Structure formats: C-alpha cells, structure tokens
Amino acid sequence: MKVSSTGGVGATGPSRAKSSGGASSFSLPSVNAASGAASTASVGGLAGVGSVDALLALQAAGAVGDPLERKKRAVRRADHILDILGEVRIALIDGDISHATLNNLQRAIREQRDKTDDPRLEGVLNEIETRAAVELAKLQVRGG
C-alpha cells in the first residue's frame, strides 16, 4: 500500500460542503465553549488513570500481598523489637528499667504476634513476653 498524500486528517482549508438551501440552520459553538468541553473531557479521562494509580498504591502498600514487601515489613518490625530489647538490656545493666520501656516491649511483641505464623518465632516471642512480665513484677514488688 502506497501513501501518496502528506496532508493530515485535521488539515485546514475552505469547507467543501455546499449549502442545501434548506430552512434549518446549523451553527457551531464558540471556541471558548469547545475548549471548556475538551478540558472537561480530559479531566474525566484522568480520573480513570487516578483510580489505577490508587490500586497500584494499595498493592504496593501490601494490600495484595507482595512477598518481598511482606518480608521487608517483617524485618522492620523485628528491628523495632530488637531496638527495644537493646534499651531494656541497657536499662537492666544500669539498674534503671521503667514501666514504660517494658510496656513498650510488650506492645511491640503483641503487634508482631498478630502477624506471624512461625512456631519458632512464636516461642521466642513467648520467652520475651514472659521475661518482660517478670521484670514488671519485680518493679511492682520494689514499689517502682
């Protein structure tokens, strides 16, 4: 197939349509009205793209369950618990442990426990939670 014309579909030039001489009249809206309608149409088209972006954001946030993202979140939660355990260790060595630190540890453990299904990890979390309960009991006996 050979293309011989370089003129585009929207080429401008005088209209070739002839008047039929009928009684009805036809008029085009003004340029401003046409651009308003075009901008409204383009906004409507963007709303569809926005909803796809929202779905992709939900997927990235883990609503769908990307295994790599789930693992990253689990590592962040584990790092948070390890940071709290480090604070507890330093406070125990200094002899200055507080209720707030131990309660923070117990809260972090409860949050982690809801998101795990590994029996070995459950065992470790149980041991940490028990130790935190023992330390809280010691504080209460001492009156602290």
Protein backbone atom coordinates (compact mmCIF):
# COMPACT_ATOMS: atom_id res chain seq x y z
CA MET A 1 0.00 0.00 0.00
CA LYS A 2 1.42 3.32 -1.03
CA VAL A 3 0.61 6.60 0.71
CA SER A 4 0.70 9.48 -1.66
CA SER A 5 -0.69 12.33 0.44
CA THR A 6 1.16 14.01 3.28
CA GLY A 7 -1.84 16.06 4.46
CA GLY A 8 -3.11 15.12 7.90
CA VAL A 9 -6.62 14.28 8.94
CA GLY A 10 -7.08 17.68 10.51
CA ALA A 11 -5.77 19.69 7.54
CA THR A 12 -7.26 23.16 7.38
CA GLY A 13 -8.75 24.76 4.34
CA PRO A 14 -12.01 26.06 2.98
CA SER A 15 -15.05 23.91 3.55
CA ARG A 16 -16.19 21.94 0.52
CA ALA A 17 -19.68 21.31 1.82
CA LYS A 18 -22.34 23.12 -0.17
CA SER A 19 -25.41 24.63 1.32
CA SER A 20 -28.52 22.61 0.57
CA GLY A 21 -30.67 25.69 0.77
CA GLY A 22 -32.95 24.08 3.41
CA ALA A 23 -34.84 26.02 6.03
CA SER A 24 -32.90 24.67 9.02
CA SER A 25 -29.85 26.46 10.29
CA PHE A 26 -26.72 24.93 11.82
CA SER A 27 -24.15 26.75 13.96
CA LEU A 28 -21.05 25.65 15.85
CA PRO A 29 -20.44 26.70 19.45
CA SER A 30 -17.85 29.35 20.14
CA VAL A 31 -14.18 28.44 20.55
CA ASN A 32 -14.30 29.06 24.34
CA ALA A 33 -17.20 26.67 24.82
CA ALA A 34 -15.41 23.98 22.80
CA SER A 35 -12.21 24.33 24.83
CA GLY A 36 -14.22 24.09 28.07
CA ALA A 37 -15.81 20.86 26.89
CA ALA A 38 -12.42 19.50 25.84
CA SER A 39 -10.89 20.31 29.23
CA THR A 40 -13.80 18.64 30.99
CA ALA A 41 -13.35 15.54 28.86
CA SER A 42 -9.64 15.45 29.62
CA VAL A 43 -10.29 15.69 33.38
CA GLY A 44 -12.71 12.78 33.14
CA GLY A 45 -10.06 10.74 31.36
CA LEU A 46 -7.54 11.47 34.13
CA ALA A 47 -9.90 10.24 36.81
CA GLY A 48 -9.65 6.73 35.34
CA VAL A 49 -5.86 6.91 35.48
CA GLY A 50 -6.04 8.14 39.09
CA SER A 51 -8.07 5.12 40.14
CA VAL A 52 -5.49 2.80 38.59
CA ASP A 53 -2.78 4.68 40.49
CA ALA A 54 -4.75 4.18 43.71
CA LEU A 55 -4.96 0.44 43.06
CA LEU A 56 -1.24 0.26 42.40
CA ALA A 57 -0.56 2.19 45.62
CA LEU A 58 -2.70 -0.26 47.59
CA GLN A 59 -0.83 -3.15 46.04
CA ALA A 60 2.50 -1.55 46.90
CA ALA A 61 1.30 -0.99 50.46
CA GLY A 62 0.78 -4.70 50.86
CA ALA A 63 -2.97 -4.92 50.48
CA VAL A 64 -2.48 -7.53 47.79
CA GLY A 65 0.49 -9.24 49.43
CA ASP A 66 3.81 -8.92 47.60
CA PRO A 67 6.08 -11.47 49.35
CA LEU A 68 9.15 -9.24 49.15
CA GLU A 69 7.28 -6.31 50.70
CA ARG A 70 5.87 -8.54 53.45
CA LYS A 71 9.39 -9.70 54.27
CA LYS A 72 10.66 -6.11 54.39
CA ARG A 73 7.87 -5.15 56.81
CA ALA A 74 8.63 -8.19 58.99
CA VAL A 75 12.31 -7.22 59.11
CA ARG A 76 11.37 -3.65 60.12
CA ARG A 77 9.12 -4.96 62.91
CA ALA A 78 11.87 -7.32 64.10
CA ASP A 79 14.39 -4.46 64.07
CA HIS A 80 11.96 -2.41 66.17
CA ILE A 81 11.69 -5.21 68.75
CA LEU A 82 15.48 -5.63 68.79
CA ASP A 83 15.89 -1.89 69.39
CA ILE A 84 13.51 -2.05 72.35
CA LEU A 85 15.33 -5.13 73.68
CA GLY A 86 18.58 -3.17 73.46
CA GLU A 87 17.02 -0.39 75.54
CA VAL A 88 15.81 -2.96 78.09
CA ARG A 89 19.27 -4.54 78.29
CA ILE A 90 20.97 -1.19 78.90
CA ALA A 91 18.32 -0.21 81.46
CA LEU A 92 18.75 -3.55 83.29
CA ILE A 93 22.53 -3.14 83.37
CA ASP A 94 22.14 0.41 84.70
CA GLY A 95 19.50 -0.75 87.18
CA ASP A 96 17.12 1.87 85.82
CA ILE A 97 14.37 -0.03 83.99
CA SER A 98 11.00 1.69 83.69
CA HIS A 99 7.41 0.53 83.34
CA ALA A 100 7.17 2.47 80.08
CA THR A 101 10.06 0.58 78.48
CA LEU A 102 8.67 -2.81 79.46
CA ASN A 103 5.15 -1.87 78.38
CA ASN A 104 6.56 -0.67 75.05
CA LEU A 105 8.26 -4.05 74.62
CA GLN A 106 5.08 -5.97 75.44
CA ARG A 107 3.08 -3.85 72.96
CA ALA A 108 5.63 -4.46 70.20
CA ILE A 109 5.51 -8.21 70.89
CA ARG A 110 1.69 -8.27 70.73
CA GLU A 111 1.76 -6.43 67.40
CA GLN A 112 4.33 -8.86 66.00
CA ARG A 113 2.48 -11.90 67.28
CA ASP A 114 -0.59 -10.95 65.22
CA LYS A 115 1.46 -11.08 62.03
CA THR A 116 3.35 -14.34 62.41
CA ASP A 117 2.59 -17.97 61.79
CA ASP A 118 6.05 -19.40 62.51
CA PRO A 119 6.02 -21.64 65.62
CA ARG A 120 9.71 -20.99 66.38
CA LEU A 121 9.17 -17.24 66.27
CA GLU A 122 6.10 -17.69 68.49
CA GLY A 123 8.31 -19.48 71.02
CA VAL A 124 10.87 -16.67 71.05
CA LEU A 125 8.12 -14.06 71.40
CA ASN A 126 6.63 -16.05 74.31
CA GLU A 127 10.00 -16.09 76.08
CA ILE A 128 10.50 -12.35 75.59
CA GLU A 129 6.97 -11.61 76.77
CA THR A 130 7.44 -13.79 79.86
CA ARG A 131 10.72 -12.07 80.72
CA ALA A 132 9.08 -8.64 80.34
CA ALA A 133 6.25 -9.75 82.66
CA VAL A 134 8.79 -10.97 85.24
CA GLU A 135 10.65 -7.64 85.12
CA LEU A 136 7.38 -5.74 85.51
CA ALA A 137 6.51 -7.90 88.53
CA LYS A 138 9.94 -7.16 90.06
CA LEU A 139 9.31 -3.43 89.60
CA GLN A 140 5.95 -3.69 91.33
CA VAL A 141 7.43 -5.62 94.26
CA ARG A 142 10.15 -3.00 94.66
CA GLY A 143 7.48 -0.31 94.54
CA GLY A 144 8.87 1.29 91.40
